Amino acid sequence: MATAPLTTIGARSGQRREVQLMYFHDGRDPILIASNGGGNRHPGWYHNLKTHPECELGGEKFSATEVTDPDERARLFGLADRVFSGFADYRTETAAFGRQIPIFRLEPR
């Protein structure tokens, strides 16, 4: 699975934040899965992208949109599972907490 640094602006601090993330492509668009390793909370970068959708992945500029359509989410999780089988386990783990794992599509800007 590919990884790259995701650079965001902190939701509360307004400071630049960087985290190394796994991602995959759907067509030309990078897809990010906010699994937080199956934890009971969304990762910090999730909140950053919700507040400030302009970001960089691997030095390229993007605008992030959360995927909310159930059919599109299911399709993207199908792709994600082919790239990293652990995502299926993470969905099971987070369901026990009542957390739905967010998905972001990054579109070039």
PDB file of N, CA and C in Angstrom:
ATOM      1  N   MET A   1       0.840  -1.175   0.000  1.00  0.00           N
ATOM      2  CA  MET A   1       0.000   0.000   0.000  1.00  0.00           C
ATOM      3  C   MET A   1       0.886   1.239   0.000  1.00  0.00           C
ATOM      4  N   ALA A   2       0.468   2.221  -0.747  1.00  0.00           N
ATOM      5  CA  ALA A   2       1.227   3.465  -0.837  1.00  0.00           C
ATOM      6  C   ALA A   2       1.016   4.313   0.413  1.00  0.00           C
ATOM      7  N   THR A   3       2.064   5.030   0.790  1.00  0.00           N
ATOM      8  CA  THR A   3       1.967   5.998   1.884  1.00  0.00           C
ATOM      9  C   THR A   3       2.564   7.313   1.421  1.00  0.00           C
ATOM     10  N   ALA A   4       2.102   8.380   2.037  1.00  0.00           N
ATOM     11  CA  ALA A   4       2.630   9.714   1.737  1.00  0.00           C
ATOM     12  C   ALA A   4       2.289  10.629   2.901  1.00  0.00           C
ATOM     13  N   PRO A   5       3.031  11.720   3.044  1.00  0.00           N
ATOM     14  CA  PRO A   5       2.676  12.682   4.089  1.00  0.00           C
ATOM     15  C   PRO A   5       1.434  13.489   3.694  1.00  0.00           C
ATOM     16  N   LEU A   6       0.487  13.550   4.619  1.00  0.00           N
ATOM     17  CA  LEU A   6      -0.686  14.400   4.470  1.00  0.00           C
ATOM     18  C   LEU A   6      -0.445  15.641   5.318  1.00  0.00           C
ATOM     19  N   THR A   7      -0.516  16.801   4.682  1.00  0.00           N
ATOM     20  CA  THR A   7      -0.349  18.068   5.383  1.00  0.00           C
ATOM     21  C   THR A   7      -1.699  18.756   5.446  1.00  0.00           C
ATOM     22  N   THR A   8      -2.107  19.073   6.668  1.00  0.00           N
ATOM     23  CA  THR A   8      -3.383  19.739   6.910  1.00  0.00           C
ATOM     24  C   THR A   8      -3.139  20.979   7.770  1.00  0.00           C
ATOM     25  N   ILE A   9      -4.210  21.723   7.978  1.00  0.00           N
ATOM     26  CA  ILE A   9      -4.195  22.845   8.917  1.00  0.00           C
ATOM     27  C   ILE A   9      -5.013  22.405  10.122  1.00  0.00           C
ATOM     28  N   GLY A  10      -4.446  22.543  11.311  1.00  0.00           N
ATOM     29  CA  GLY A  10      -5.110  22.120  12.537  1.00  0.00           C
ATOM     30  C   GLY A  10      -6.472  22.764  12.715  1.00  0.00           C
ATOM     31  N   ALA A  11      -7.470  21.954  13.054  1.00  0.00           N
ATOM     32  CA  ALA A  11      -8.838  22.446  13.212  1.00  0.00           C
ATOM     33  C   ALA A  11      -8.942  23.507  14.294  1.00  0.00           C
ATOM     34  N   ARG A  12      -8.234  23.331  15.380  1.00  0.00           N
ATOM     35  CA  ARG A  12      -8.296  24.294  16.484  1.00  0.00           C
ATOM     36  C   ARG A  12      -7.091  25.226  16.509  1.00  0.00           C
ATOM     37  N   SER A  13      -5.919  24.681  16.196  1.00  0.00           N
ATOM     38  CA  SER A  13      -4.694  25.476  16.346  1.00  0.00           C
ATOM     39  C   SER A  13      -4.408  26.380  15.159  1.00  0.00           C
ATOM     40  N   GLY A  14      -4.869  25.986  13.968  1.00  0.00           N
ATOM     41  CA  GLY A  14      -4.531  26.728  12.762  1.00  0.00           C
ATOM     42  C   GLY A  14      -3.103  26.487  12.295  1.00  0.00           C
ATOM     43  N   GLN A  15      -2.393  25.589  12.967  1.00  0.00           N
ATOM     44  CA  GLN A  15      -1.010  25.266  12.622  1.00  0.00           C
ATOM     45  C   GLN A  15      -0.966  24.158  11.565  1.00  0.00           C
ATOM     46  N   ARG A  16       0.096  24.163  10.777  1.00  0.00           N
ATOM     47  CA  ARG A  16       0.304  23.077   9.807  1.00  0.00           C
ATOM     48  C   ARG A  16       0.575  21.780  10.567  1.00  0.00           C
ATOM     49  N   ARG A  17      -0.068  20.715  10.117  1.00  0.00           N
ATOM     50  CA  ARG A  17       0.116  19.389  10.722  1.00  0.00           C
ATOM     51  C   ARG A  17       0.448  18.404   9.618  1.00  0.00           C
ATOM     52  N   GLU A  18       1.329  17.466   9.945  1.00  0.00           N
ATOM     53  CA  GLU A  18       1.715  16.459   8.953  1.00  0.00           C
ATOM     54  C   GLU A  18       1.665  15.079   9.588  1.00  0.00           C
ATOM     55  N   VAL A  19       1.116  14.130   8.847  1.00  0.00           N
ATOM     56  CA  VAL A  19       1.029  12.745   9.292  1.00  0.00           C
ATOM     57  C   VAL A  19       1.236  11.849   8.068  1.00  0.00           C
ATOM     58  N   GLN A  20       1.907  10.745   8.261  1.00  0.00           N
ATOM     59  CA  GLN A  20       2.125   9.783   7.183  1.00  0.00           C
ATOM     60  C   GLN A  20       0.906   8.862   7.114  1.00  0.00           C
ATOM     61  N   LEU A  21       0.288   8.752   5.928  1.00  0.00           N
ATOM     62  CA  LEU A  21      -0.930   7.953   5.783  1.00  0.00           C
ATOM     63  C   LEU A  21      -0.853   6.984   4.628  1.00  0.00           C
ATOM     64  N   MET A  22      -1.590   5.885   4.776  1.00  0.00           N
ATOM     65  CA  MET A  22      -1.827   4.983   3.659  1.00  0.00           C
ATOM     66  C   MET A  22      -2.939   5.608   2.805  1.00  0.00           C
ATOM     67  N   TYR A  23      -2.883   5.356   1.508  1.00  0.00           N
ATOM     68  CA  TYR A  23      -3.920   5.833   0.607  1.00  0.00           C
ATOM     69  C   TYR A  23      -3.951   4.930  -0.610  1.00  0.00           C
ATOM     70  N   PHE A  24      -5.002   5.052  -1.399  1.00  0.00           N
ATOM     71  CA  PHE A  24      -5.072   4.372  -2.685  1.00  0.00           C
ATOM     72  C   PHE A  24      -5.813   5.295  -3.642  1.00  0.00           C
ATOM     73  N   HIS A  25      -5.784   4.963  -4.909  1.00  0.00           N
ATOM     74  CA  HIS A  25      -6.434   5.808  -5.915  1.00  0.00           C
ATOM     75  C   HIS A  25      -7.744   5.190  -6.394  1.00  0.00           C
ATOM     76  N   ASP A  26      -8.698   6.055  -6.636  1.00  0.00           N
ATOM     77  CA  ASP A  26      -9.919   5.718  -7.362  1.00  0.00           C
ATOM     78  C   ASP A  26      -9.878   6.605  -8.591  1.00  0.00           C
ATOM     79  N   GLY A  27      -9.483   6.033  -9.712  1.00  0.00           N
ATOM     80  CA  GLY A  27      -9.195   6.860 -10.873  1.00  0.00           C
ATOM     81  C   GLY A  27      -7.974   7.692 -10.554  1.00  0.00           C
ATOM     82  N   ARG A  28      -8.069   8.986 -10.732  1.00  0.00           N
ATOM     83  CA  ARG A  28      -6.921   9.865 -10.436  1.00  0.00           C
ATOM     84  C   ARG A  28      -6.953  10.405  -9.011  1.00  0.00           C
ATOM     85  N   ASP A  29      -8.072  10.202  -8.307  1.00  0.00           N
ATOM     86  CA  ASP A  29      -8.238  10.790  -6.981  1.00  0.00           C
ATOM     87  C   ASP A  29      -7.701   9.892  -5.869  1.00  0.00           C
ATOM     88  N   PRO A  30      -6.844  10.420  -5.008  1.00  0.00           N
ATOM     89  CA  PRO A  30      -6.440   9.670  -3.820  1.00  0.00           C
ATOM     90  C   PRO A  30      -7.621   9.526  -2.858  1.00  0.00           C
ATOM     91  N   ILE A  31      -7.678   8.369  -2.203  1.00  0.00           N
ATOM     92  CA  ILE A  31      -8.719   8.073  -1.221  1.00  0.00           C
ATOM     93  C   ILE A  31      -8.047   7.823   0.123  1.00  0.00           C
ATOM     94  N   LEU A  32      -8.555   8.481   1.164  1.00  0.00           N
ATOM     95  CA  LEU A  32      -8.045   8.322   2.527  1.00  0.00           C
ATOM     96  C   LEU A  32      -9.119   7.686   3.396  1.00  0.00           C
ATOM     97  N   ILE A  33      -8.727   6.706   4.190  1.00  0.00           N
ATOM     98  CA  ILE A  33      -9.627   6.026   5.112  1.00  0.00           C
ATOM     99  C   ILE A  33      -9.245   6.450   6.531  1.00  0.00           C
ATOM    100  N   ALA A  34     -10.168   7.098   7.243  1.00  0.00           N
ATOM    101  CA  ALA A  34      -9.891   7.611   8.588  1.00  0.00           C
ATOM    102  C   ALA A  34     -10.172   6.531   9.635  1.00  0.00           C
ATOM    103  N   SER A  35      -9.463   5.417   9.540  1.00  0.00           N
ATOM    104  CA  SER A  35      -9.720   4.262  10.396  1.00  0.00           C
ATOM    105  C   SER A  35      -9.179   4.427  11.807  1.00  0.00           C
ATOM    106  N   ASN A  36      -8.103   5.176  11.949  1.00  0.00           N
ATOM    107  CA  ASN A  36      -7.423   5.335  13.238  1.00  0.00           C
ATOM    108  C   ASN A  36      -7.110   3.967  13.848  1.00  0.00           C
ATOM    109  N   GLY A  37      -6.742   3.018  12.997  1.00  0.00           N
ATOM    110  CA  GLY A  37      -6.361   1.686  13.457  1.00  0.00           C
ATOM    111  C   GLY A  37      -7.478   0.928  14.147  1.00  0.00           C
ATOM    112  N   GLY A  38      -8.728   1.265  13.834  1.00  0.00           N
ATOM    113  CA  GLY A  38      -9.858   0.603  14.463  1.00  0.00           C
ATOM    114  C   GLY A  38     -10.211   1.181  15.826  1.00  0.00           C
ATOM    115  N   GLY A  39      -9.639   2.327  16.166  1.00  0.00           N
ATOM    116  CA  GLY A  39      -9.889   2.962  17.467  1.00  0.00           C
ATOM    117  C   GLY A  39     -11.289   3.541  17.582  1.00  0.00           C
ATOM    118  N   ASN A  40     -11.631   3.967  18.784  1.00  0.00           N
ATOM    119  CA  ASN A  40     -12.989   4.451  19.029  1.00  0.00           C
ATOM    120  C   ASN A  40     -13.198   5.928  18.678  1.00  0.00           C
ATOM    121  N   ARG A  41     -12.162   6.610  18.214  1.00  0.00           N
ATOM    122  CA  ARG A  41     -12.267   8.021  17.819  1.00  0.00           C
ATOM    123  C   ARG A  41     -11.696   8.228  16.423  1.00  0.00           C
ATOM    124  N   HIS A  42     -12.198   9.267  15.777  1.00  0.00           N
ATOM    125  CA  HIS A  42     -11.627   9.653  14.492  1.00  0.00           C
ATOM    126  C   HIS A  42     -10.222  10.199  14.724  1.00  0.00           C
ATOM    127  N   PRO A  43      -9.315   9.998  13.764  1.00  0.00           N
ATOM    128  CA  PRO A  43      -7.972  10.574  13.914  1.00  0.00           C
ATOM    129  C   PRO A  43      -8.025  12.097  13.843  1.00  0.00           C
ATOM    130  N   GLY A  44      -7.001  12.737  14.400  1.00  0.00           N
ATOM    131  CA  GLY A  44      -6.949  14.198  14.399  1.00  0.00           C
ATOM    132  C   GLY A  44      -7.049  14.795  13.009  1.00  0.00           C
ATOM    133  N   TRP A  45      -6.422  14.151  12.014  1.00  0.00           N
ATOM    134  CA  TRP A  45      -6.446  14.713  10.670  1.00  0.00           C
ATOM    135  C   TRP A  45      -7.855  14.748  10.092  1.00  0.00           C
ATOM    136  N   TYR A  46      -8.742  13.865  10.568  1.00  0.00           N
ATOM    137  CA  TYR A  46     -10.145  13.900  10.133  1.00  0.00           C
ATOM    138  C   TYR A  46     -10.749  15.268  10.463  1.00  0.00           C
ATOM    139  N   HIS A  47     -10.588  15.697  11.700  1.00  0.00           N
ATOM    140  CA  HIS A  47     -11.145  16.977  12.138  1.00  0.00           C
ATOM    141  C   HIS A  47     -10.499  18.145  11.389  1.00  0.00           C
ATOM    142  N   ASN A  48      -9.200  18.010  11.113  1.00  0.00           N
ATOM    143  CA  ASN A  48      -8.512  19.053  10.347  1.00  0.00           C
ATOM    144  C   ASN A  48      -9.108  19.193   8.949  1.00  0.00           C
ATOM    145  N   LEU A  49      -9.348  18.069   8.269  1.00  0.00           N
ATOM    146  CA  LEU A  49      -9.903  18.127   6.910  1.00  0.00           C
ATOM    147  C   LEU A  49     -11.352  18.604   6.904  1.00  0.00           C
ATOM    148  N   LYS A  50     -12.101  18.276   7.931  1.00  0.00           N
ATOM    149  CA  LYS A  50     -13.488  18.744   8.000  1.00  0.00           C
ATOM    150  C   LYS A  50     -13.535  20.268   8.147  1.00  0.00           C
ATOM    151  N   THR A  51     -12.594  20.808   8.914  1.00  0.00           N
ATOM    152  CA  THR A  51     -12.558  22.253   9.143  1.00  0.00           C
ATOM    153  C   THR A  51     -11.858  22.993   8.004  1.00  0.00           C
ATOM    154  N   HIS A  52     -10.762  22.411   7.523  1.00  0.00           N
ATOM    155  CA  HIS A  52      -9.947  23.022   6.464  1.00  0.00           C
ATOM    156  C   HIS A  52      -9.697  21.969   5.379  1.00  0.00           C
ATOM    157  N   PRO A  53     -10.586  21.842   4.382  1.00  0.00           N
ATOM    158  CA  PRO A  53     -10.448  20.779   3.384  1.00  0.00           C
ATOM    159  C   PRO A  53      -9.257  20.921   2.429  1.00  0.00           C
ATOM    160  N   GLU A  54      -8.659  22.104   2.368  1.00  0.00           N
ATOM    161  CA  GLU A  54      -7.478  22.277   1.513  1.00  0.00           C
ATOM    162  C   GLU A  54      -6.303  21.578   2.189  1.00  0.00           C
ATOM    163  N   CYS A  55      -5.606  20.728   1.445  1.00  0.00           N
ATOM    164  CA  CYS A  55      -4.526  19.932   2.030  1.00  0.00           C
ATOM    165  C   CYS A  55      -3.492  19.613   0.962  1.00  0.00           C
ATOM    166  N   GLU A  56      -2.442  18.924   1.401  1.00  0.00           N
ATOM    167  CA  GLU A  56      -1.427  18.409   0.482  1.00  0.00           C
ATOM    168  C   GLU A  56      -1.207  16.944   0.807  1.00  0.00           C
ATOM    169  N   LEU A  57      -1.028  16.148  -0.217  1.00  0.00           N
ATOM    170  CA  LEU A  57      -0.653  14.748  -0.062  1.00  0.00           C
ATOM    171  C   LEU A  57       0.573  14.524  -0.932  1.00  0.00           C
ATOM    172  N   GLY A  58       1.662  14.160  -0.282  1.00  0.00           N
ATOM    173  CA  GLY A  58       2.899  13.964  -1.023  1.00  0.00           C
ATOM    174  C   GLY A  58       3.366  15.210  -1.751  1.00  0.00           C
ATOM    175  N   GLY A  59       3.054  16.380  -1.191  1.00  0.00           N
ATOM    176  CA  GLY A  59       3.485  17.637  -1.792  1.00  0.00           C
ATOM    177  C   GLY A  59       2.554  18.173  -2.860  1.00  0.00           C
ATOM    178  N   GLU A  60       1.520  17.425  -3.251  1.00  0.00           N
ATOM    179  CA  GLU A  60       0.546  17.890  -4.243  1.00  0.00           C
ATOM    180  C   GLU A  60      -0.666  18.475  -3.523  1.00  0.00           C
ATOM    181  N   LYS A  61      -1.256  19.518  -4.104  1.00  0.00           N
ATOM    182  CA  LYS A  61      -2.366  20.221  -3.466  1.00  0.00           C
ATOM    183  C   LYS A  61      -3.711  19.599  -3.855  1.00  0.00           C
ATOM    184  N   PHE A  62      -4.566  19.424  -2.819  1.00  0.00           N
ATOM    185  CA  PHE A  62      -5.880  18.816  -3.007  1.00  0.00           C
ATOM    186  C   PHE A  62      -6.921  19.530  -2.159  1.00  0.00           C
ATOM    187  N   SER A  63      -8.165  19.247  -2.492  1.00  0.00           N
ATOM    188  CA  SER A  63      -9.294  19.624  -1.662  1.00  0.00           C
ATOM    189  C   SER A  63      -9.996  18.322  -1.272  1.00  0.00           C
ATOM    190  N   ALA A  64     -10.255  18.154   0.027  1.00  0.00           N
ATOM    191  CA  ALA A  64     -10.828  16.913   0.546  1.00  0.00           C
ATOM    192  C   ALA A  64     -12.336  17.033   0.710  1.00  0.00           C
ATOM    193  N   THR A  65     -13.026  15.966   0.315  1.00  0.00           N
ATOM    194  CA  THR A  65     -14.467  15.865   0.497  1.00  0.00           C
ATOM    195  C   THR A  65     -14.773  14.537   1.157  1.00  0.00           C
ATOM    196  N   GLU A  66     -15.562  14.565   2.235  1.00  0.00           N
ATOM    197  CA  GLU A  66     -15.947  13.310   2.878  1.00  0.00           C
ATOM    198  C   GLU A  66     -16.992  12.613   2.014  1.00  0.00           C
ATOM    199  N   VAL A  67     -16.808  11.319   1.806  1.00  0.00           N
ATOM    200  CA  VAL A  67     -17.748  10.517   1.025  1.00  0.00           C
ATOM    201  C   VAL A  67     -18.847  10.058   1.978  1.00  0.00           C
ATOM    202  N   THR A  68     -20.079  10.475   1.703  1.00  0.00           N
ATOM    203  CA  THR A  68     -21.194  10.138   2.589  1.00  0.00           C
ATOM    204  C   THR A  68     -22.228   9.227   1.938  1.00  0.00           C
ATOM    205  N   ASP A  69     -22.241   9.143   0.618  1.00  0.00           N
ATOM    206  CA  ASP A  69     -23.206   8.290  -0.074  1.00  0.00           C
ATOM    207  C   ASP A  69     -22.940   6.825   0.282  1.00  0.00           C
ATOM    208  N   PRO A  70     -23.932   6.104   0.801  1.00  0.00           N
ATOM    209  CA  PRO A  70     -23.717   4.716   1.243  1.00  0.00           C
ATOM    210  C   PRO A  70     -23.208   3.782   0.143  1.00  0.00           C
ATOM    211  N   ASP A  71     -23.742   3.918  -1.069  1.00  0.00           N
ATOM    212  CA  ASP A  71     -23.293   3.054  -2.165  1.00  0.00           C
ATOM    213  C   ASP A  71     -21.846   3.343  -2.548  1.00  0.00           C
ATOM    214  N   GLU A  72     -21.493   4.619  -2.574  1.00  0.00           N
ATOM    215  CA  GLU A  72     -20.111   4.992  -2.911  1.00  0.00           C
ATOM    216  C   GLU A  72     -19.156   4.556  -1.806  1.00  0.00           C
ATOM    217  N   ARG A  73     -19.571   4.690  -0.556  1.00  0.00           N
ATOM    218  CA  ARG A  73     -18.750   4.220   0.566  1.00  0.00           C
ATOM    219  C   ARG A  73     -18.499   2.716   0.444  1.00  0.00           C
ATOM    220  N   ALA A  74     -19.547   1.967   0.153  1.00  0.00           N
ATOM    221  CA  ALA A  74     -19.407   0.504   0.016  1.00  0.00           C
ATOM    222  C   ALA A  74     -18.461   0.169  -1.127  1.00  0.00           C
ATOM    223  N   ARG A  75     -18.588   0.874  -2.248  1.00  0.00           N
ATOM    224  CA  ARG A  75     -17.701   0.623  -3.392  1.00  0.00           C
ATOM    225  C   ARG A  75     -16.256   0.928  -3.030  1.00  0.00           C
ATOM    226  N   LEU A  76     -16.028   2.062  -2.363  1.00  0.00           N
ATOM    227  CA  LEU A  76     -14.658   2.434  -1.997  1.00  0.00           C
ATOM    228  C   LEU A  76     -14.080   1.495  -0.943  1.00  0.00           C
ATOM    229  N   PHE A  77     -14.896   1.031   0.005  1.00  0.00           N
ATOM    230  CA  PHE A  77     -14.384   0.058   0.969  1.00  0.00           C
ATOM    231  C   PHE A  77     -14.032  -1.252   0.276  1.00  0.00           C
ATOM    232  N   GLY A  78     -14.778  -1.612  -0.766  1.00  0.00           N
ATOM    233  CA  GLY A  78     -14.415  -2.797  -1.550  1.00  0.00           C
ATOM    234  C   GLY A  78     -13.028  -2.650  -2.161  1.00  0.00           C
ATOM    235  N   LEU A  79     -12.726  -1.462  -2.683  1.00  0.00           N
ATOM    236  CA  LEU A  79     -11.387  -1.199  -3.224  1.00  0.00           C
ATOM    237  C   LEU A  79     -10.350  -1.191  -2.108  1.00  0.00           C
ATOM    238  N   ALA A  80     -10.689  -0.554  -0.993  1.00  0.00           N
ATOM    239  CA  ALA A  80      -9.758  -0.456   0.138  1.00  0.00           C
ATOM    240  C   ALA A  80      -9.388  -1.838   0.664  1.00  0.00           C
ATOM    241  N   ASP A  81     -10.376  -2.715   0.754  1.00  0.00           N
ATOM    242  CA  ASP A  81     -10.126  -4.068   1.267  1.00  0.00           C
ATOM    243  C   ASP A  81      -9.160  -4.846   0.382  1.00  0.00           C
ATOM    244  N   ARG A  82      -9.160  -4.552  -0.917  1.00  0.00           N
ATOM    245  CA  ARG A  82      -8.208  -5.221  -1.823  1.00  0.00           C
ATOM    246  C   ARG A  82      -6.792  -4.730  -1.602  1.00  0.00           C
ATOM    247  N   VAL A  83      -6.666  -3.478  -1.163  1.00  0.00           N
ATOM    248  CA  VAL A  83      -5.360  -2.878  -0.952  1.00  0.00           C
ATOM    249  C   VAL A  83      -4.801  -3.245   0.422  1.00  0.00           C
ATOM    250  N   PHE A  84      -5.682  -3.261   1.439  1.00  0.00           N
ATOM    251  CA  PHE A  84      -5.257  -3.571   2.807  1.00  0.00           C
ATOM    252  C   PHE A  84      -6.401  -4.294   3.510  1.00  0.00           C
ATOM    253  N   SER A  85      -6.241  -5.579   3.742  1.00  0.00           N
ATOM    254  CA  SER A  85      -7.323  -6.392   4.305  1.00  0.00           C
ATOM    255  C   SER A  85      -7.684  -5.975   5.724  1.00  0.00           C
ATOM    256  N   GLY A  86      -6.798  -5.281   6.428  1.00  0.00           N
ATOM    257  CA  GLY A  86      -7.070  -4.839   7.786  1.00  0.00           C
ATOM    258  C   GLY A  86      -8.225  -3.866   7.900  1.00  0.00           C
ATOM    259  N   PHE A  87      -8.592  -3.177   6.805  1.00  0.00           N
ATOM    260  CA  PHE A  87      -9.709  -2.246   6.872  1.00  0.00           C
ATOM    261  C   PHE A  87     -11.006  -2.951   7.257  1.00  0.00           C
ATOM    262  N   ALA A  88     -11.209  -4.183   6.809  1.00  0.00           N
ATOM    263  CA  ALA A  88     -12.415  -4.938   7.178  1.00  0.00           C
ATOM    264  C   ALA A  88     -12.441  -5.168   8.686  1.00  0.00           C
ATOM    265  N   ASP A  89     -11.296  -5.522   9.263  1.00  0.00           N
ATOM    266  CA  ASP A  89     -11.222  -5.707  10.715  1.00  0.00           C
ATOM    267  C   ASP A  89     -11.492  -4.391  11.445  1.00  0.00           C
ATOM    268  N   TYR A  90     -10.954  -3.307  10.924  1.00  0.00           N
ATOM    269  CA  TYR A  90     -11.166  -1.999  11.549  1.00  0.00           C
ATOM    270  C   TYR A  90     -12.649  -1.632  11.563  1.00  0.00           C
ATOM    271  N   ARG A  91     -13.362  -1.937  10.467  1.00  0.00           N
ATOM    272  CA  ARG A  91     -14.801  -1.635  10.419  1.00  0.00           C
ATOM    273  C   ARG A  91     -15.548  -2.430  11.488  1.00  0.00           C
ATOM    274  N   THR A  92     -15.168  -3.679  11.677  1.00  0.00           N
ATOM    275  CA  THR A  92     -15.796  -4.505  12.710  1.00  0.00           C
ATOM    276  C   THR A  92     -15.507  -3.943  14.094  1.00  0.00           C
ATOM    277  N   GLU A  93     -14.244  -3.572  14.324  1.00  0.00           N
ATOM    278  CA  GLU A  93     -13.852  -3.033  15.630  1.00  0.00           C
ATOM    279  C   GLU A  93     -14.561  -1.720  15.937  1.00  0.00           C
ATOM    280  N   THR A  94     -14.633  -0.830  14.958  1.00  0.00           N
ATOM    281  CA  THR A  94     -15.262   0.470  15.210  1.00  0.00           C
ATOM    282  C   THR A  94     -16.772   0.355  15.342  1.00  0.00           C
ATOM    283  N   ALA A  95     -17.376  -0.623  14.694  1.00  0.00           N
ATOM    284  CA  ALA A  95     -18.821  -0.822  14.830  1.00  0.00           C
ATOM    285  C   ALA A  95     -19.183  -1.110  16.285  1.00  0.00           C
ATOM    286  N   ALA A  96     -18.307  -1.800  17.006  1.00  0.00           N
ATOM    287  CA  ALA A  96     -18.548  -2.099  18.422  1.00  0.00           C
ATOM    288  C   ALA A  96     -18.623  -0.809  19.253  1.00  0.00           C
ATOM    289  N   PHE A  97     -17.953   0.249  18.778  1.00  0.00           N
ATOM    290  CA  PHE A  97     -17.990   1.549  19.459  1.00  0.00           C
ATOM    291  C   PHE A  97     -19.106   2.439  18.928  1.00  0.00           C
ATOM    292  N   GLY A  98     -19.752   1.993  17.863  1.00  0.00           N
ATOM    293  CA  GLY A  98     -20.761   2.820  17.215  1.00  0.00           C
ATOM    294  C   GLY A  98     -20.163   3.882  16.315  1.00  0.00           C
ATOM    295  N   ARG A  99     -18.902   3.683  15.913  1.00  0.00           N
ATOM    296  CA  ARG A  99     -18.220   4.657  15.054  1.00  0.00           C
ATOM    297  C   ARG A  99     -18.199   4.151  13.621  1.00  0.00           C
ATOM    298  N   GLN A 100     -18.573   5.014  12.692  1.00  0.00           N
ATOM    299  CA  GLN A 100     -18.477   4.705  11.263  1.00  0.00           C
ATOM    300  C   GLN A 100     -17.203   5.344  10.745  1.00  0.00           C
ATOM    301  N   ILE A 101     -16.363   4.553  10.098  1.00  0.00           N
ATOM    302  CA  ILE A 101     -15.081   5.043   9.592  1.00  0.00           C
ATOM    303  C   ILE A 101     -15.318   5.984   8.405  1.00  0.00           C
ATOM    304  N   PRO A 102     -14.839   7.220   8.498  1.00  0.00           N
ATOM    305  CA  PRO A 102     -14.982   8.163   7.390  1.00  0.00           C
ATOM    306  C   PRO A 102     -14.014   7.857   6.235  1.00  0.00           C
ATOM    307  N   ILE A 103     -14.443   8.254   5.052  1.00  0.00           N
ATOM    308  CA  ILE A 103     -13.639   8.149   3.836  1.00  0.00           C
ATOM    309  C   ILE A 103     -13.568   9.540   3.215  1.00  0.00           C
ATOM    310  N   PHE A 104     -12.378   9.918   2.746  1.00  0.00           N
ATOM    311  CA  PHE A 104     -12.207  11.192   2.047  1.00  0.00           C
ATOM    312  C   PHE A 104     -11.703  10.949   0.637  1.00  0.00           C
ATOM    313  N   ARG A 105     -12.260  11.702  -0.287  1.00  0.00           N
ATOM    314  CA  ARG A 105     -11.761  11.762  -1.662  1.00  0.00           C
ATOM    315  C   ARG A 105     -10.997  13.065  -1.787  1.00  0.00           C
ATOM    316  N   LEU A 106      -9.790  12.988  -2.331  1.00  0.00           N
ATOM    317  CA  LEU A 106      -8.977  14.183  -2.556  1.00  0.00           C
ATOM    318  C   LEU A 106      -9.031  14.525  -4.043  1.00  0.00           C
ATOM    319  N   GLU A 107      -9.407  15.751  -4.335  1.00  0.00           N
ATOM    320  CA  GLU A 107      -9.472  16.204  -5.718  1.00  0.00           C
ATOM    321  C   GLU A 107      -8.418  17.284  -5.930  1.00  0.00           C
ATOM    322  N   PRO A 108      -7.681  17.178  -7.048  1.00  0.00           N
ATOM    323  CA  PRO A 108      -6.633  18.167  -7.311  1.00  0.00           C
ATOM    324  C   PRO A 108      -7.219  19.583  -7.352  1.00  0.00           C
ATOM    325  N   ARG A 109      -6.404  20.520  -6.857  1.00  0.00           N
ATOM    326  CA  ARG A 109      -6.848  21.925  -6.948  1.00  0.00           C
ATOM    327  C   ARG A 109      -5.841  22.722  -7.729  1.00  0.00           C
TER     328      ARG A 109
END
